[in-house]
Amino acid sequence: MASEVRFAVVRRQLERAGYRLARIAGSHHLFEKPGRTLLSIPVHRGKVKPFHVRQVERIIEAEGPSQGKC
């Protein structure tokens, strides 16, 4: 993935994996999931950098298949 991704897409991925937006602190959107550490995603101008998108994908993949995934 070479370019930035819209935050709405990343948020949807996280929510399908069972995370929920806990709070926003400045440009950082903090997601939580029971039994997991808090996940901070920096968002600038509605976009997420590729590094953070890959990080989210790795975390979701490591947790295994989610129940809400389409």
PDB file of N, CA and C in Angstrom:
ATOM      1  N   MET A   1       0.854  -1.160   0.000  1.00  0.00           N
ATOM      2  CA  MET A   1       0.000   0.000   0.000  1.00  0.00           C
ATOM      3  C   MET A   1       0.904   1.229   0.000  1.00  0.00           C
ATOM      4  N   ALA A   2       0.889   1.983  -1.068  1.00  0.00           N
ATOM      5  CA  ALA A   2       1.842   3.064  -1.239  1.00  0.00           C
ATOM      6  C   ALA A   2       1.339   4.420  -0.757  1.00  0.00           C
ATOM      7  N   SER A   3       0.045   4.615  -0.677  1.00  0.00           N
ATOM      8  CA  SER A   3      -0.458   5.937  -0.313  1.00  0.00           C
ATOM      9  C   SER A   3      -1.294   5.882   0.959  1.00  0.00           C
ATOM     10  N   GLU A   4      -1.638   7.064   1.436  1.00  0.00           N
ATOM     11  CA  GLU A   4      -2.443   7.167   2.646  1.00  0.00           C
ATOM     12  C   GLU A   4      -3.841   6.597   2.415  1.00  0.00           C
ATOM     13  N   VAL A   5      -4.478   6.189   3.503  1.00  0.00           N
ATOM     14  CA  VAL A   5      -5.807   5.577   3.446  1.00  0.00           C
ATOM     15  C   VAL A   5      -6.756   6.440   4.267  1.00  0.00           C
ATOM     16  N   ARG A   6      -7.973   6.562   3.811  1.00  0.00           N
ATOM     17  CA  ARG A   6      -8.974   7.320   4.564  1.00  0.00           C
ATOM     18  C   ARG A   6      -9.186   6.686   5.931  1.00  0.00           C
ATOM     19  N   PHE A   7      -9.329   7.526   6.943  1.00  0.00           N
ATOM     20  CA  PHE A   7      -9.525   7.038   8.297  1.00  0.00           C
ATOM     21  C   PHE A   7     -10.787   6.187   8.408  1.00  0.00           C
ATOM     22  N   ALA A   8     -11.830   6.532   7.674  1.00  0.00           N
ATOM     23  CA  ALA A   8     -13.087   5.771   7.734  1.00  0.00           C
ATOM     24  C   ALA A   8     -12.864   4.300   7.388  1.00  0.00           C
ATOM     25  N   VAL A   9     -11.972   4.032   6.459  1.00  0.00           N
ATOM     26  CA  VAL A   9     -11.672   2.653   6.054  1.00  0.00           C
ATOM     27  C   VAL A   9     -10.959   1.916   7.189  1.00  0.00           C
ATOM     28  N   VAL A  10      -9.978   2.576   7.797  1.00  0.00           N
ATOM     29  CA  VAL A  10      -9.225   1.964   8.898  1.00  0.00           C
ATOM     30  C   VAL A  10     -10.152   1.731  10.091  1.00  0.00           C
ATOM     31  N   ARG A  11     -10.990   2.715  10.383  1.00  0.00           N
ATOM     32  CA  ARG A  11     -11.918   2.572  11.511  1.00  0.00           C
ATOM     33  C   ARG A  11     -12.854   1.390  11.299  1.00  0.00           C
ATOM     34  N   ARG A  12     -13.353   1.238  10.081  1.00  0.00           N
ATOM     35  CA  ARG A  12     -14.254   0.125   9.767  1.00  0.00           C
ATOM     36  C   ARG A  12     -13.544  -1.215   9.988  1.00  0.00           C
ATOM     37  N   GLN A  13     -12.285  -1.311   9.575  1.00  0.00           N
ATOM     38  CA  GLN A  13     -11.509  -2.545   9.777  1.00  0.00           C
ATOM     39  C   GLN A  13     -11.396  -2.866  11.268  1.00  0.00           C
ATOM     40  N   LEU A  14     -11.073  -1.854  12.049  1.00  0.00           N
ATOM     41  CA  LEU A  14     -10.905  -2.062  13.481  1.00  0.00           C
ATOM     42  C   LEU A  14     -12.214  -2.442  14.152  1.00  0.00           C
ATOM     43  N   GLU A  15     -13.294  -1.791  13.777  1.00  0.00           N
ATOM     44  CA  GLU A  15     -14.587  -2.099  14.379  1.00  0.00           C
ATOM     45  C   GLU A  15     -15.041  -3.516  14.031  1.00  0.00           C
ATOM     46  N   ARG A  16     -14.768  -3.954  12.828  1.00  0.00           N
ATOM     47  CA  ARG A  16     -15.115  -5.332  12.445  1.00  0.00           C
ATOM     48  C   ARG A  16     -14.295  -6.351  13.233  1.00  0.00           C
ATOM     49  N   ALA A  17     -13.106  -5.932  13.677  1.00  0.00           N
ATOM     50  CA  ALA A  17     -12.246  -6.820  14.461  1.00  0.00           C
ATOM     51  C   ALA A  17     -12.558  -6.744  15.950  1.00  0.00           C
ATOM     52  N   GLY A  18     -13.561  -5.956  16.320  1.00  0.00           N
ATOM     53  CA  GLY A  18     -13.975  -5.904  17.716  1.00  0.00           C
ATOM     54  C   GLY A  18     -13.463  -4.713  18.505  1.00  0.00           C
ATOM     55  N   TYR A  19     -12.744  -3.811  17.859  1.00  0.00           N
ATOM     56  CA  TYR A  19     -12.260  -2.613  18.540  1.00  0.00           C
ATOM     57  C   TYR A  19     -13.342  -1.541  18.498  1.00  0.00           C
ATOM     58  N   ARG A  20     -13.259  -0.618  19.471  1.00  0.00           N
ATOM     59  CA  ARG A  20     -14.168   0.524  19.448  1.00  0.00           C
ATOM     60  C   ARG A  20     -13.372   1.783  19.740  1.00  0.00           C
ATOM     61  N   LEU A  21     -13.806   2.883  19.168  1.00  0.00           N
ATOM     62  CA  LEU A  21     -13.148   4.157  19.394  1.00  0.00           C
ATOM     63  C   LEU A  21     -13.433   4.596  20.820  1.00  0.00           C
ATOM     64  N   ALA A  22     -12.406   4.631  21.656  1.00  0.00           N
ATOM     65  CA  ALA A  22     -12.560   4.975  23.070  1.00  0.00           C
ATOM     66  C   ALA A  22     -12.545   6.483  23.271  1.00  0.00           C
ATOM     67  N   ARG A  23     -11.597   7.146  22.606  1.00  0.00           N
ATOM     68  CA  ARG A  23     -11.506   8.600  22.734  1.00  0.00           C
ATOM     69  C   ARG A  23     -10.562   9.153  21.665  1.00  0.00           C
ATOM     70  N   ILE A  24     -10.583  10.464  21.549  1.00  0.00           N
ATOM     71  CA  ILE A  24      -9.693  11.159  20.630  1.00  0.00           C
ATOM     72  C   ILE A  24      -8.881  12.145  21.448  1.00  0.00           C
ATOM     73  N   ALA A  25      -7.576  12.080  21.294  1.00  0.00           N
ATOM     74  CA  ALA A  25      -6.667  12.987  21.988  1.00  0.00           C
ATOM     75  C   ALA A  25      -5.832  13.708  20.930  1.00  0.00           C
ATOM     76  N   GLY A  26      -6.244  14.890  20.579  1.00  0.00           N
ATOM     77  CA  GLY A  26      -5.559  15.625  19.518  1.00  0.00           C
ATOM     78  C   GLY A  26      -5.790  14.930  18.188  1.00  0.00           C
ATOM     79  N   SER A  27      -4.710  14.573  17.515  1.00  0.00           N
ATOM     80  CA  SER A  27      -4.844  13.894  16.225  1.00  0.00           C
ATOM     81  C   SER A  27      -4.865  12.369  16.377  1.00  0.00           C
ATOM     82  N   HIS A  28      -4.737  11.879  17.612  1.00  0.00           N
ATOM     83  CA  HIS A  28      -4.682  10.437  17.851  1.00  0.00           C
ATOM     84  C   HIS A  28      -6.050   9.885  18.235  1.00  0.00           C
ATOM     85  N   HIS A  29      -6.480   8.891  17.497  1.00  0.00           N
ATOM     86  CA  HIS A  29      -7.733   8.196  17.775  1.00  0.00           C
ATOM     87  C   HIS A  29      -7.357   6.908  18.502  1.00  0.00           C
ATOM     88  N   LEU A  30      -7.904   6.745  19.697  1.00  0.00           N
ATOM     89  CA  LEU A  30      -7.528   5.618  20.555  1.00  0.00           C
ATOM     90  C   LEU A  30      -8.632   4.568  20.552  1.00  0.00           C
ATOM     91  N   PHE A  31      -8.253   3.361  20.136  1.00  0.00           N
ATOM     92  CA  PHE A  31      -9.186   2.252  20.050  1.00  0.00           C
ATOM     93  C   PHE A  31      -8.901   1.261  21.156  1.00  0.00           C
ATOM     94  N   GLU A  32      -9.960   0.662  21.688  1.00  0.00           N
ATOM     95  CA  GLU A  32      -9.798  -0.344  22.727  1.00  0.00           C
ATOM     96  C   GLU A  32     -10.589  -1.589  22.384  1.00  0.00           C
ATOM     97  N   LYS A  33     -10.097  -2.687  22.959  1.00  0.00           N
ATOM     98  CA  LYS A  33     -10.750  -3.982  22.818  1.00  0.00           C
ATOM     99  C   LYS A  33     -10.454  -4.740  24.095  1.00  0.00           C
ATOM    100  N   PRO A  34     -11.450  -5.371  24.688  1.00  0.00           N
ATOM    101  CA  PRO A  34     -11.201  -6.107  25.935  1.00  0.00           C
ATOM    102  C   PRO A  34     -10.049  -7.102  25.776  1.00  0.00           C
ATOM    103  N   GLY A  35      -9.135  -7.080  26.727  1.00  0.00           N
ATOM    104  CA  GLY A  35      -8.008  -8.006  26.702  1.00  0.00           C
ATOM    105  C   GLY A  35      -6.849  -7.559  25.837  1.00  0.00           C
ATOM    106  N   ARG A  36      -6.949  -6.395  25.217  1.00  0.00           N
ATOM    107  CA  ARG A  36      -5.888  -5.878  24.335  1.00  0.00           C
ATOM    108  C   ARG A  36      -5.407  -4.530  24.840  1.00  0.00           C
ATOM    109  N   THR A  37      -4.189  -4.164  24.478  1.00  0.00           N
ATOM    110  CA  THR A  37      -3.689  -2.848  24.840  1.00  0.00           C
ATOM    111  C   THR A  37      -4.353  -1.792  23.960  1.00  0.00           C
ATOM    112  N   LEU A  38      -4.350  -0.568  24.439  1.00  0.00           N
ATOM    113  CA  LEU A  38      -4.928   0.545  23.708  1.00  0.00           C
ATOM    114  C   LEU A  38      -4.158   0.751  22.410  1.00  0.00           C
ATOM    115  N   LEU A  39      -4.859   0.988  21.325  1.00  0.00           N
ATOM    116  CA  LEU A  39      -4.253   1.161  20.013  1.00  0.00           C
ATOM    117  C   LEU A  39      -4.450   2.605  19.573  1.00  0.00           C
ATOM    118  N   SER A  40      -3.362   3.308  19.319  1.00  0.00           N
ATOM    119  CA  SER A  40      -3.398   4.719  18.949  1.00  0.00           C
ATOM    120  C   SER A  40      -3.126   4.868  17.453  1.00  0.00           C
ATOM    121  N   ILE A  41      -4.049   5.530  16.757  1.00  0.00           N
ATOM    122  CA  ILE A  41      -3.904   5.756  15.322  1.00  0.00           C
ATOM    123  C   ILE A  41      -3.876   7.261  15.068  1.00  0.00           C
ATOM    124  N   PRO A  42      -2.750   7.809  14.597  1.00  0.00           N
ATOM    125  CA  PRO A  42      -2.711   9.224  14.267  1.00  0.00           C
ATOM    126  C   PRO A  42      -3.445   9.491  12.945  1.00  0.00           C
ATOM    127  N   VAL A  43      -4.281  10.508  12.954  1.00  0.00           N
ATOM    128  CA  VAL A  43      -5.071  10.859  11.771  1.00  0.00           C
ATOM    129  C   VAL A  43      -4.805  12.323  11.436  1.00  0.00           C
ATOM    130  N   HIS A  44      -4.397  12.572  10.204  1.00  0.00           N
ATOM    131  CA  HIS A  44      -4.130  13.929   9.755  1.00  0.00           C
ATOM    132  C   HIS A  44      -4.881  14.183   8.456  1.00  0.00           C
ATOM    133  N   ARG A  45      -5.727  15.211   8.491  1.00  0.00           N
ATOM    134  CA  ARG A  45      -6.553  15.571   7.326  1.00  0.00           C
ATOM    135  C   ARG A  45      -7.414  14.400   6.859  1.00  0.00           C
ATOM    136  N   GLY A  46      -7.874  13.597   7.812  1.00  0.00           N
ATOM    137  CA  GLY A  46      -8.766  12.488   7.497  1.00  0.00           C
ATOM    138  C   GLY A  46      -8.075  11.277   6.902  1.00  0.00           C
ATOM    139  N   LYS A  47      -6.739  11.267   6.931  1.00  0.00           N
ATOM    140  CA  LYS A  47      -5.984  10.157   6.337  1.00  0.00           C
ATOM    141  C   LYS A  47      -5.057   9.524   7.360  1.00  0.00           C
ATOM    142  N   VAL A  48      -4.723   8.252   7.119  1.00  0.00           N
ATOM    143  CA  VAL A  48      -3.806   7.485   7.963  1.00  0.00           C
ATOM    144  C   VAL A  48      -2.619   7.083   7.099  1.00  0.00           C
ATOM    145  N   LYS A  49      -1.420   7.262   7.628  1.00  0.00           N
ATOM    146  CA  LYS A  49      -0.194   6.913   6.894  1.00  0.00           C
ATOM    147  C   LYS A  49      -0.107   5.400   6.667  1.00  0.00           C
ATOM    148  N   PRO A  50       0.539   4.995   5.569  1.00  0.00           N
ATOM    149  CA  PRO A  50       0.657   3.563   5.244  1.00  0.00           C
ATOM    150  C   PRO A  50       1.274   2.724   6.354  1.00  0.00           C
ATOM    151  N   PHE A  51       2.249   3.272   7.078  1.00  0.00           N
ATOM    152  CA  PHE A  51       2.870   2.529   8.174  1.00  0.00           C
ATOM    153  C   PHE A  51       1.827   2.088   9.187  1.00  0.00           C
ATOM    154  N   HIS A  52       0.926   2.977   9.555  1.00  0.00           N
ATOM    155  CA  HIS A  52      -0.087   2.672  10.564  1.00  0.00           C
ATOM    156  C   HIS A  52      -1.156   1.729  10.014  1.00  0.00           C
ATOM    157  N   VAL A  53      -1.439   1.835   8.737  1.00  0.00           N
ATOM    158  CA  VAL A  53      -2.398   0.913   8.105  1.00  0.00           C
ATOM    159  C   VAL A  53      -1.841  -0.498   8.157  1.00  0.00           C
ATOM    160  N   ARG A  54      -0.565  -0.659   7.836  1.00  0.00           N
ATOM    161  CA  ARG A  54       0.067  -1.986   7.893  1.00  0.00           C
ATOM    162  C   ARG A  54       0.081  -2.506   9.325  1.00  0.00           C
ATOM    163  N   GLN A  55       0.323  -1.623  10.279  1.00  0.00           N
ATOM    164  CA  GLN A  55       0.320  -2.009  11.683  1.00  0.00           C
ATOM    165  C   GLN A  55      -1.057  -2.554  12.081  1.00  0.00           C
ATOM    166  N   VAL A  56      -2.113  -1.874  11.696  1.00  0.00           N
ATOM    167  CA  VAL A  56      -3.480  -2.315  11.996  1.00  0.00           C
ATOM    168  C   VAL A  56      -3.741  -3.665  11.340  1.00  0.00           C
ATOM    169  N   GLU A  57      -3.355  -3.820  10.091  1.00  0.00           N
ATOM    170  CA  GLU A  57      -3.569  -5.085   9.384  1.00  0.00           C
ATOM    171  C   GLU A  57      -2.843  -6.229  10.070  1.00  0.00           C
ATOM    172  N   ARG A  58      -1.601  -5.999  10.527  1.00  0.00           N
ATOM    173  CA  ARG A  58      -0.843  -7.042  11.222  1.00  0.00           C
ATOM    174  C   ARG A  58      -1.501  -7.423  12.547  1.00  0.00           C
ATOM    175  N   ILE A  59      -1.979  -6.436  13.271  1.00  0.00           N
ATOM    176  CA  ILE A  59      -2.629  -6.705  14.558  1.00  0.00           C
ATOM    177  C   ILE A  59      -3.890  -7.529  14.350  1.00  0.00           C
ATOM    178  N   ILE A  60      -4.701  -7.132  13.393  1.00  0.00           N
ATOM    179  CA  ILE A  60      -5.952  -7.853  13.118  1.00  0.00           C
ATOM    180  C   ILE A  60      -5.653  -9.271  12.646  1.00  0.00           C
ATOM    181  N   GLU A  61      -4.665  -9.422  11.790  1.00  0.00           N
ATOM    182  CA  GLU A  61      -4.300 -10.742  11.272  1.00  0.00           C
ATOM    183  C   GLU A  61      -3.781 -11.646  12.396  1.00  0.00           C
ATOM    184  N   ALA A  62      -2.997 -11.090  13.310  1.00  0.00           N
ATOM    185  CA  ALA A  62      -2.429 -11.868  14.408  1.00  0.00           C
ATOM    186  C   ALA A  62      -3.505 -12.365  15.374  1.00  0.00           C
ATOM    187  N   GLU A  63      -4.608 -11.628  15.468  1.00  0.00           N
ATOM    188  CA  GLU A  63      -5.691 -12.024  16.366  1.00  0.00           C
ATOM    189  C   GLU A  63      -6.537 -13.152  15.797  1.00  0.00           C
ATOM    190  N   GLY A  64      -6.392 -13.427  14.539  1.00  0.00           N
ATOM    191  CA  GLY A  64      -7.153 -14.493  13.921  1.00  0.00           C
ATOM    192  C   GLY A  64      -8.453 -13.979  13.314  1.00  0.00           C
ATOM    193  N   PRO A  65      -9.246 -14.868  12.763  1.00  0.00           N
ATOM    194  CA  PRO A  65     -10.476 -14.443  12.109  1.00  0.00           C
ATOM    195  C   PRO A  65     -11.445 -13.827  13.106  1.00  0.00           C
ATOM    196  N   SER A  66     -12.081 -12.725  12.690  1.00  0.00           N
ATOM    197  CA  SER A  66     -13.081 -12.108  13.566  1.00  0.00           C
ATOM    198  C   SER A  66     -14.470 -12.592  13.186  1.00  0.00           C
ATOM    199  N   GLN A  67     -15.392 -12.457  14.115  1.00  0.00           N
ATOM    200  CA  GLN A  67     -16.745 -12.956  13.888  1.00  0.00           C
ATOM    201  C   GLN A  67     -17.553 -12.028  13.012  1.00  0.00           C
ATOM    202  N   GLY A  68     -17.238 -10.729  13.030  1.00  0.00           N
ATOM    203  CA  GLY A  68     -18.025  -9.767  12.275  1.00  0.00           C
ATOM    204  C   GLY A  68     -17.510  -9.495  10.876  1.00  0.00           C
ATOM    205  N   LYS A  69     -16.504 -10.229  10.449  1.00  0.00           N
ATOM    206  CA  LYS A  69     -15.907  -9.972   9.161  1.00  0.00           C
ATOM    207  C   LYS A  69     -16.798 -10.463   8.027  1.00  0.00           C
ATOM    208  N   CYS A  70     -16.910  -9.668   6.988  1.00  0.00           N
ATOM    209  CA  CYS A  70     -17.760 -10.022   5.838  1.00  0.00           C
ATOM    210  C   CYS A  70     -16.977 -10.791   4.811  1.00  0.00           C
TER     211      CYS A  70
END
